[in-house]
N, C-alpha and C. Protein backbone atom coordinates (compact mmCIF):
# COMPACT_ATOMS: atom_id res chain seq x y z
N MET A 1 194.67 -3.99 52.47
CA MET A 1 195.22 -5.16 51.73
C MET A 1 194.32 -5.88 51.26
N VAL A 2 194.03 -6.50 50.36
CA VAL A 2 193.00 -7.39 49.70
C VAL A 2 193.53 -8.77 50.09
N PRO A 3 193.41 -9.46 51.02
CA PRO A 3 193.18 -11.07 51.13
C PRO A 3 193.79 -11.93 49.67
N PRO A 4 193.88 -12.87 49.94
CA PRO A 4 194.60 -13.30 48.68
C PRO A 4 193.46 -14.54 47.78
N HIS A 5 192.41 -14.82 48.53
CA HIS A 5 191.07 -15.50 49.06
C HIS A 5 189.75 -15.07 48.43
N ALA A 6 190.42 -13.66 48.50
CA ALA A 6 189.51 -12.98 47.93
C ALA A 6 188.42 -12.91 46.72
N PRO A 7 187.55 -13.22 46.50
CA PRO A 7 186.73 -13.37 45.60
C PRO A 7 186.81 -12.31 44.10
N THR A 8 186.74 -12.59 43.53
CA THR A 8 186.57 -11.88 42.03
C THR A 8 185.64 -11.07 41.91
N PRO A 9 185.09 -9.33 41.46
CA PRO A 9 184.00 -9.36 40.97
C PRO A 9 182.76 -10.08 40.60
N THR A 10 182.80 -11.59 39.51
CA THR A 10 182.10 -12.07 39.68
C THR A 10 181.71 -13.20 40.20
N THR A 11 182.59 -13.50 41.07
CA THR A 11 182.28 -14.92 41.50
C THR A 11 182.01 -14.42 43.16
N CYS A 12 181.88 -13.21 43.70
CA CYS A 12 181.68 -12.07 44.57
C CYS A 12 179.88 -12.52 44.38
N ILE A 13 179.65 -12.15 43.22
CA ILE A 13 178.37 -11.64 42.93
C ILE A 13 177.78 -13.10 42.45
N SER A 14 178.56 -14.06 42.47
CA SER A 14 178.17 -15.49 42.11
C SER A 14 177.92 -15.89 40.21
N ARG A 15 179.16 -15.02 39.45
CA ARG A 15 178.64 -14.79 37.78
C ARG A 15 177.46 -14.08 37.94
N ALA A 16 177.15 -13.06 38.71
CA ALA A 16 176.12 -11.99 38.48
C ALA A 16 176.35 -11.35 37.49
N ARG A 17 175.18 -10.57 36.11
CA ARG A 17 175.63 -9.44 35.66
C ARG A 17 174.65 -7.99 36.44
N CYS A 18 175.80 -7.64 37.17
CA CYS A 18 175.44 -6.98 38.33
C CYS A 18 176.01 -5.24 37.91
N THR A 19 175.17 -4.38 38.25
CA THR A 19 175.96 -2.69 37.87
C THR A 19 175.58 -1.87 38.88
N CYS A 20 176.73 -1.01 39.10
CA CYS A 20 176.01 -0.06 40.28
C CYS A 20 176.31 1.52 39.33
N ILE A 21 175.41 1.84 39.96
CA ILE A 21 174.82 3.53 39.30
C ILE A 21 174.78 4.57 40.27
N GLY A 22 175.27 5.86 40.14
CA GLY A 22 175.31 6.54 40.64
C GLY A 22 175.07 7.88 39.87
N MET A 23 173.67 8.94 40.65
CA MET A 23 173.43 10.10 39.76
C MET A 23 174.62 11.45 39.34
N ARG A 24 175.17 11.13 40.77
CA ARG A 24 176.78 11.87 40.54
C ARG A 24 177.73 11.58 40.50
N SER A 25 177.66 10.31 40.17
CA SER A 25 178.97 9.35 40.17
C SER A 25 180.25 10.09 39.30
N SER A 26 181.16 10.60 39.72
CA SER A 26 182.41 11.20 38.87
C SER A 26 183.52 9.76 38.49
N CYS A 27 183.21 8.47 39.59
CA CYS A 27 183.95 7.47 40.10
C CYS A 27 184.33 6.84 38.60
N ARG A 28 185.94 6.86 37.99
CA ARG A 28 186.51 6.47 37.37
C ARG A 28 187.40 5.29 37.79
N THR A 29 187.56 4.77 39.01
CA THR A 29 188.36 3.55 39.37
C THR A 29 187.91 2.46 39.58
N ALA A 30 186.04 2.38 39.40
CA ALA A 30 185.31 1.14 39.00
C ALA A 30 185.66 0.61 38.49
N PRO A 31 185.96 -0.84 37.88
CA PRO A 31 185.64 -1.54 36.47
C PRO A 31 184.70 -1.01 35.59
N ARG A 32 184.92 -1.15 34.22
CA ARG A 32 183.93 -0.72 33.43
C ARG A 32 182.52 -1.34 33.46
N SER A 33 182.60 -2.56 33.63
CA SER A 33 181.36 -3.54 33.77
C SER A 33 180.39 -3.53 34.85
N TRP A 34 181.50 -2.99 35.98
CA TRP A 34 180.61 -2.06 36.81
C TRP A 34 179.93 -1.24 37.63
N ARG A 35 180.08 -0.57 36.39
CA ARG A 35 179.38 1.27 36.56
C ARG A 35 179.15 1.85 34.80
N ARG A 36 177.80 2.21 35.07
CA ARG A 36 177.24 2.66 34.39
C ARG A 36 177.04 4.44 34.26
N PRO A 37 177.36 5.19 33.46
CA PRO A 37 177.08 6.44 33.05
C PRO A 37 175.62 6.89 33.33
N PHE A 38 175.84 8.39 34.17
CA PHE A 38 174.18 8.58 34.14
C PHE A 38 173.72 9.64 33.35
N ASP A 39 172.78 9.61 32.71
CA ASP A 39 171.98 10.31 31.86
C ASP A 39 171.25 11.24 32.12
N GLU A 40 171.54 12.85 33.03
CA GLU A 40 170.60 13.43 33.59
C GLU A 40 169.15 13.53 32.80
N ARG A 41 169.47 13.48 31.12
CA ARG A 41 168.14 14.13 30.87
C ARG A 41 167.09 12.73 30.49
N ASP A 42 168.12 11.36 30.70
CA ASP A 42 166.72 10.44 30.51
C ASP A 42 167.61 9.40 31.60
N PRO A 43 167.67 9.59 32.75
CA PRO A 43 168.45 8.82 34.12
C PRO A 43 167.82 7.33 33.83
N TYR A 44 166.90 6.92 33.43
CA TYR A 44 166.85 5.21 33.59
C TYR A 44 166.76 4.72 31.92
N HIS A 45 167.48 5.57 30.93
CA HIS A 45 167.75 4.61 29.82
C HIS A 45 169.09 3.74 30.00
N ARG A 46 168.97 2.81 29.53
CA ARG A 46 170.34 1.91 29.40
C ARG A 46 169.96 0.97 27.99
N LEU A 47 171.47 0.71 28.01
CA LEU A 47 171.37 -0.32 26.41
C LEU A 47 170.37 -1.36 26.92
N VAL A 48 170.54 -1.85 28.41
CA VAL A 48 170.03 -3.44 28.30
C VAL A 48 169.57 -2.85 30.13
N SER A 49 168.15 -3.13 30.31
CA SER A 49 167.90 -2.54 31.40
C SER A 49 168.01 -3.46 32.42
N PRO A 50 168.27 -3.27 33.55
CA PRO A 50 168.04 -4.19 34.80
C PRO A 50 166.83 -5.02 34.91
N ASP A 51 166.90 -6.48 35.15
CA ASP A 51 165.72 -6.61 35.77
C ASP A 51 164.98 -6.65 37.07
N PHE A 52 166.38 -5.85 38.18
CA PHE A 52 165.76 -5.74 38.71
C PHE A 52 166.58 -5.15 40.00
N GLY A 53 166.34 -3.76 40.18
CA GLY A 53 166.86 -2.59 41.66
C GLY A 53 167.05 -2.79 42.55
N VAL A 54 168.20 -2.32 43.11
CA VAL A 54 167.97 -1.59 44.13
C VAL A 54 168.68 -0.57 44.83
N TYR A 55 167.70 0.00 45.22
CA TYR A 55 168.39 1.76 45.17
C TYR A 55 167.80 2.61 47.08
N LEU A 56 169.60 3.32 46.81
CA LEU A 56 169.07 3.41 48.45
C LEU A 56 168.62 5.09 48.18
N ASP A 57 168.28 5.13 47.80
CA ASP A 57 167.85 6.89 47.26
C ASP A 57 166.63 7.37 47.41
N GLU A 58 165.41 7.92 47.82
CA GLU A 58 164.31 7.97 47.56
C GLU A 58 164.20 8.57 46.06
N ARG A 59 164.88 9.62 45.87
CA ARG A 59 164.74 10.01 44.11
C ARG A 59 164.32 8.51 43.19
N TRP A 60 165.23 7.71 43.24
CA TRP A 60 164.90 6.38 41.91
C TRP A 60 163.80 6.23 42.12
N GLN A 61 163.64 6.43 40.66
CA GLN A 61 161.65 5.85 40.42
C GLN A 61 161.97 5.56 39.32
N PRO A 62 162.77 3.88 38.65
CA PRO A 62 162.60 3.47 37.47
C PRO A 62 161.63 2.67 37.55
N PRO A 63 161.28 2.78 35.90
CA PRO A 63 160.26 1.85 35.61
C PRO A 63 160.46 0.00 35.62
N TRP A 64 161.54 -0.32 35.94
CA TRP A 64 161.43 -2.02 35.91
C TRP A 64 161.16 -2.18 37.74
N PRO A 65 161.35 -3.81 38.04
CA PRO A 65 160.83 -3.72 39.53
C PRO A 65 161.82 -3.57 39.90
N HIS A 66 162.03 -2.82 40.99
CA HIS A 66 162.56 -2.78 42.51
C HIS A 66 162.51 -2.60 43.67
N VAL A 67 163.64 -2.31 44.40
CA VAL A 67 163.21 -1.67 45.86
C VAL A 67 163.69 -0.75 46.00
N ARG A 68 163.05 0.20 47.12
CA ARG A 68 163.76 1.46 47.27
C ARG A 68 164.10 1.31 48.97
N LEU A 69 165.39 1.21 49.13
CA LEU A 69 165.72 1.43 50.94
C LEU A 69 165.79 2.35 51.63
N ASP A 70 165.35 2.37 52.79
CA ASP A 70 165.45 3.08 53.41
C ASP A 70 166.78 3.40 54.44
N TRP A 71 168.18 4.83 53.62
CA TRP A 71 169.43 4.85 53.76
C TRP A 71 169.73 6.02 53.91
N PRO A 72 169.92 6.53 54.46
CA PRO A 72 170.32 8.05 54.55
C PRO A 72 171.98 7.88 54.16
N ASP A 73 172.12 9.16 53.33
CA ASP A 73 173.32 9.82 52.44
C ASP A 73 174.33 10.07 54.12
N PHE A 74 175.47 9.66 53.65
CA PHE A 74 176.89 9.01 54.63
C PHE A 74 176.34 8.61 55.89
N GLY A 75 175.33 7.97 55.75
CA GLY A 75 174.79 7.00 57.08
C GLY A 75 174.86 5.67 56.74
N VAL A 76 174.16 5.18 58.03
CA VAL A 76 173.68 3.73 58.06
C VAL A 76 172.21 3.54 58.32
N PRO A 77 171.59 2.68 57.76
CA PRO A 77 170.08 2.48 57.67
C PRO A 77 169.68 1.92 59.33
N GLN A 78 168.57 3.06 59.86
CA GLN A 78 168.26 2.55 61.28
C GLN A 78 168.09 0.87 61.40
N ASP A 79 167.23 0.35 60.48
CA ASP A 79 166.85 -1.34 60.70
C ASP A 79 167.64 -1.95 59.40
N ARG A 80 168.64 -2.90 59.78
CA ARG A 80 169.01 -3.56 58.80
C ARG A 80 168.61 -4.73 58.49
N GLY A 81 167.15 -4.81 58.59
CA GLY A 81 166.33 -6.19 57.97
C GLY A 81 165.92 -5.91 56.99
N PRO A 82 165.20 -5.05 56.44
CA PRO A 82 165.00 -4.53 55.25
C PRO A 82 166.47 -4.60 53.89
N VAL A 83 167.29 -4.23 54.53
CA VAL A 83 168.61 -3.37 54.03
C VAL A 83 169.25 -5.11 53.56
N LEU A 84 168.95 -6.32 54.67
CA LEU A 84 169.67 -7.23 54.20
C LEU A 84 168.68 -8.37 53.53
N GLU A 85 167.31 -8.31 53.80
CA GLU A 85 165.88 -9.05 52.78
C GLU A 85 165.84 -8.40 50.95
N GLY A 86 166.62 -7.02 51.29
CA GLY A 86 166.60 -6.56 49.73
C GLY A 86 168.01 -7.08 49.24
N LEU A 87 169.04 -7.22 49.89
CA LEU A 87 170.19 -7.18 49.00
C LEU A 87 170.16 -9.19 48.92
N ARG A 88 169.25 -9.76 49.71
CA ARG A 88 169.45 -10.78 49.70
C ARG A 88 168.46 -11.16 48.21
N ARG A 89 167.51 -10.75 47.92
CA ARG A 89 166.22 -10.77 46.95
C ARG A 89 167.28 -10.34 45.87
N ALA A 90 168.64 -9.20 45.30
CA ALA A 90 169.39 -9.22 44.24
C ALA A 90 169.87 -9.98 44.34
N LEU A 91 170.68 -11.06 45.33
CA LEU A 91 171.71 -11.98 45.29
C LEU A 91 170.72 -13.24 44.81
N ASP A 92 169.91 -13.51 45.21
CA ASP A 92 169.37 -14.39 44.58
C ASP A 92 168.38 -14.39 42.83
N LEU A 93 168.46 -13.09 42.57
CA LEU A 93 168.01 -13.09 41.02
C LEU A 93 169.16 -13.22 40.41
N ALA A 94 170.32 -12.61 40.79
CA ALA A 94 171.87 -12.10 40.18
C ALA A 94 172.18 -13.49 39.87
N ARG A 95 172.15 -14.49 41.09
CA ARG A 95 172.63 -15.84 40.85
C ARG A 95 171.61 -16.84 39.90
N ASP A 96 170.82 -16.08 39.85
CA ASP A 96 169.74 -16.93 38.66
C ASP A 96 169.99 -16.31 37.65
N GLY A 97 170.82 -15.45 37.19
CA GLY A 97 171.46 -14.98 35.87
C GLY A 97 170.42 -13.94 35.53
N ARG A 98 169.85 -13.15 36.65
CA ARG A 98 169.22 -11.90 36.30
C ARG A 98 169.95 -10.75 36.46
N ARG A 99 169.89 -9.56 35.34
CA ARG A 99 170.86 -8.58 35.42
C ARG A 99 170.71 -7.94 36.56
N VAL A 100 171.12 -7.20 37.45
CA VAL A 100 170.64 -6.27 39.02
C VAL A 100 171.51 -4.79 38.85
N GLU A 101 170.81 -4.31 39.39
CA GLU A 101 171.48 -2.79 38.97
C GLU A 101 171.28 -1.97 40.53
N ILE A 102 172.08 -1.67 41.50
CA ILE A 102 172.30 -1.18 42.62
C ILE A 102 172.55 0.03 42.58
N GLY A 103 172.29 1.33 43.10
CA GLY A 103 172.57 2.66 42.96
C GLY A 103 172.31 3.44 44.25
N CYS A 104 172.62 4.34 44.40
CA CYS A 104 172.19 5.59 45.12
C CYS A 104 172.49 6.74 44.29
N TRP A 105 172.62 8.21 45.21
CA TRP A 105 172.87 9.43 44.75
C TRP A 105 174.21 9.85 43.89
N GLY A 106 175.78 9.20 44.48
CA GLY A 106 176.83 9.53 44.66
C GLY A 106 177.61 7.93 44.10
N ALA A 107 176.80 6.82 44.57
CA ALA A 107 177.65 5.66 43.78
C ALA A 107 178.90 5.06 44.93
N HIS A 108 179.06 6.08 46.02
CA HIS A 108 180.13 5.77 46.67
C HIS A 108 179.69 4.64 48.01
N GLY A 109 179.59 5.49 49.14
CA GLY A 109 178.81 5.27 50.33
C GLY A 109 178.17 4.31 50.48
N ARG A 110 176.72 4.77 49.84
CA ARG A 110 175.56 3.43 50.06
C ARG A 110 175.96 2.11 49.45
N THR A 111 176.16 2.77 48.21
CA THR A 111 176.01 1.33 47.20
C THR A 111 177.75 0.89 47.44
N GLY A 112 178.86 1.48 47.92
CA GLY A 112 179.79 0.71 48.51
C GLY A 112 179.61 -0.33 49.65
N THR A 113 178.86 0.34 50.61
CA THR A 113 178.64 -0.42 51.73
C THR A 113 177.19 -1.60 51.29
N ALA A 114 176.85 -1.01 50.44
CA ALA A 114 175.73 -2.56 49.76
C ALA A 114 176.56 -3.84 49.23
N LEU A 115 177.79 -2.75 48.51
CA LEU A 115 178.57 -4.40 48.01
C LEU A 115 178.93 -4.84 48.67
N ALA A 116 179.72 -4.13 49.84
CA ALA A 116 180.12 -4.85 50.84
C ALA A 116 179.40 -5.82 51.72
N THR A 117 178.64 -5.68 51.87
CA THR A 117 177.17 -6.56 52.69
C THR A 117 177.10 -7.90 51.25
N LEU A 118 177.17 -7.70 50.20
CA LEU A 118 176.98 -8.69 49.24
C LEU A 118 178.06 -9.62 49.39
N ALA A 119 179.18 -9.12 49.80
CA ALA A 119 180.13 -9.67 49.63
C ALA A 119 179.90 -10.71 50.62
N VAL A 120 179.84 -10.18 51.96
CA VAL A 120 179.53 -10.94 53.09
C VAL A 120 178.41 -11.96 53.00
N LEU A 121 177.64 -11.71 52.50
CA LEU A 121 176.21 -12.76 52.22
C LEU A 121 176.93 -13.41 51.11
N THR A 122 178.10 -13.37 50.56
CA THR A 122 178.52 -14.69 49.35
C THR A 122 179.50 -15.07 50.67
N GLY A 123 180.04 -14.95 51.37
CA GLY A 123 181.14 -15.58 52.25
C GLY A 123 182.19 -14.90 52.51
N LEU A 124 182.77 -14.10 51.80
CA LEU A 124 183.93 -13.09 52.41
C LEU A 124 183.62 -12.60 53.84
N PRO A 125 184.86 -13.13 54.71
CA PRO A 125 184.72 -12.17 55.57
C PRO A 125 184.55 -10.91 56.10
N ARG A 126 183.88 -10.42 56.95
CA ARG A 126 183.28 -9.39 57.44
C ARG A 126 184.27 -8.26 57.32
N ASP A 127 185.55 -8.75 57.96
CA ASP A 127 186.57 -7.92 58.08
C ASP A 127 187.63 -7.21 56.76
N ASP A 128 187.15 -8.59 55.76
CA ASP A 128 187.92 -8.08 54.91
C ASP A 128 186.85 -7.48 53.53
N ALA A 129 185.93 -7.39 53.97
CA ALA A 129 184.59 -6.85 52.60
C ALA A 129 185.11 -5.68 51.95
N VAL A 130 185.42 -4.68 53.50
CA VAL A 130 185.35 -2.96 52.76
C VAL A 130 186.60 -3.22 51.96
N SER A 131 187.80 -3.50 52.40
CA SER A 131 189.16 -3.49 51.10
C SER A 131 188.88 -3.75 50.35
N TRP A 132 188.29 -5.20 50.18
CA TRP A 132 187.77 -5.81 48.63
C TRP A 132 187.09 -4.77 47.97
N VAL A 133 185.98 -4.21 48.74
CA VAL A 133 185.13 -3.50 47.30
C VAL A 133 185.92 -2.39 47.06
N ARG A 134 186.25 -1.45 48.14
CA ARG A 134 187.41 -0.62 47.23
C ARG A 134 188.62 -0.86 46.32
N ALA A 135 189.18 -2.20 46.43
CA ALA A 135 190.47 -2.46 45.57
C ALA A 135 189.52 -3.12 44.30
N THR A 136 188.14 -3.65 44.50
CA THR A 136 187.64 -4.27 43.18
C THR A 136 186.83 -3.32 42.70
N TYR A 137 185.81 -2.02 43.50
CA TYR A 137 184.87 -1.38 42.75
C TYR A 137 184.68 -0.01 42.62
N CYS A 138 185.97 0.85 43.70
CA CYS A 138 186.03 2.32 43.98
C CYS A 138 186.80 1.96 44.95
N THR A 139 188.11 3.17 45.41
CA THR A 139 188.45 3.17 46.05
C THR A 139 187.88 4.52 47.19
N ARG A 140 186.99 4.84 46.59
CA ARG A 140 186.48 6.00 47.40
C ARG A 140 184.86 5.31 48.16
N ALA A 141 184.68 3.64 48.09
CA ALA A 141 183.68 3.07 48.75
C ALA A 141 183.34 3.11 49.82
N VAL A 142 182.46 3.01 50.33
CA VAL A 142 182.18 3.16 51.79
C VAL A 142 183.26 4.44 52.39
N GLU A 143 182.28 5.45 52.50
CA GLU A 143 183.14 6.62 53.33
C GLU A 143 182.92 7.04 53.96
N THR A 144 182.26 6.76 54.95
CA THR A 144 182.40 6.74 56.60
C THR A 144 183.02 5.74 57.48
N ALA A 145 183.03 5.92 58.63
CA ALA A 145 183.53 5.08 59.59
C ALA A 145 182.47 4.30 60.10
N GLU A 146 181.31 4.70 60.02
CA GLU A 146 180.03 4.59 60.76
C GLU A 146 179.50 2.97 59.59
N GLN A 147 179.41 3.62 58.33
CA GLN A 147 179.22 2.83 57.35
C GLN A 147 180.21 1.02 57.04
N GLU A 148 181.78 2.02 57.30
CA GLU A 148 182.57 0.76 57.71
C GLU A 148 182.28 -0.03 58.99
N ALA A 149 181.65 -0.08 59.84
CA ALA A 149 181.28 -0.46 61.30
C ALA A 149 179.88 -1.07 61.13
N PHE A 150 178.81 -0.50 59.53
CA PHE A 150 178.03 -1.26 59.74
C PHE A 150 178.38 -2.78 58.95
N VAL A 151 179.37 -3.03 58.16
CA VAL A 151 179.83 -4.05 57.82
C VAL A 151 180.58 -4.69 58.48
N ALA A 152 181.36 -4.04 59.38
CA ALA A 152 182.33 -4.90 60.40
C ALA A 152 181.59 -5.75 61.35
N THR A 153 180.44 -5.03 61.54
CA THR A 153 179.28 -5.84 62.52
C THR A 153 178.23 -6.44 62.32
N LEU A 154 178.25 -7.17 60.77
CA LEU A 154 177.03 -7.62 60.30
C LEU A 154 177.16 -8.96 60.83
N ASP A 155 175.95 -9.46 60.93
CA ASP A 155 175.83 -10.81 61.89
C ASP A 155 174.98 -11.58 61.23
N ALA A 156 175.66 -11.58 59.61
CA ALA A 156 174.37 -12.37 58.71
C ALA A 156 175.02 -13.71 57.87
N PRO A 157 174.82 -14.48 57.99
CA PRO A 157 175.08 -15.61 57.18
C PRO A 157 175.25 -15.87 56.11
N ALA A 158 176.09 -16.18 55.37
CA ALA A 158 176.24 -16.37 54.14
C ALA A 158 175.27 -17.22 53.38
N VAL A 159 174.91 -16.74 52.23
CA VAL A 159 173.81 -17.35 51.26
C VAL A 159 174.08 -18.06 50.26
């Protein structure tokens, strides 16, 4: 259950323009404004390209500024530092009104965990972050118990 004080997607990301994308995503429960279809013929085609991307899969090589984080599929990163740094950078850019994209191969486990981490960084209690992402982004987000534990044990102050 999502607590009544949970932010809406736009307030969570501080009125940012943030999209999530997956190369294999078939999710249809995510709000339309949060998801973008993937075109295998031209994986980097966007009506409007993001100003910055955070990619959680080594297969991404977009032509716009981005950071690729070392994050195994169905797992969690060994080192939280670069992940928190990359997500804080994305959050800062989004708060400045820049278009930010977050993606992995399937757009559920790693992307959902990154979104829950962003929610914690914006002040949502870590115990509520996973349920909030599942309620507002995709019911299949944050796929493993290890990913849930990653969010539940975040010791990162809100920014």
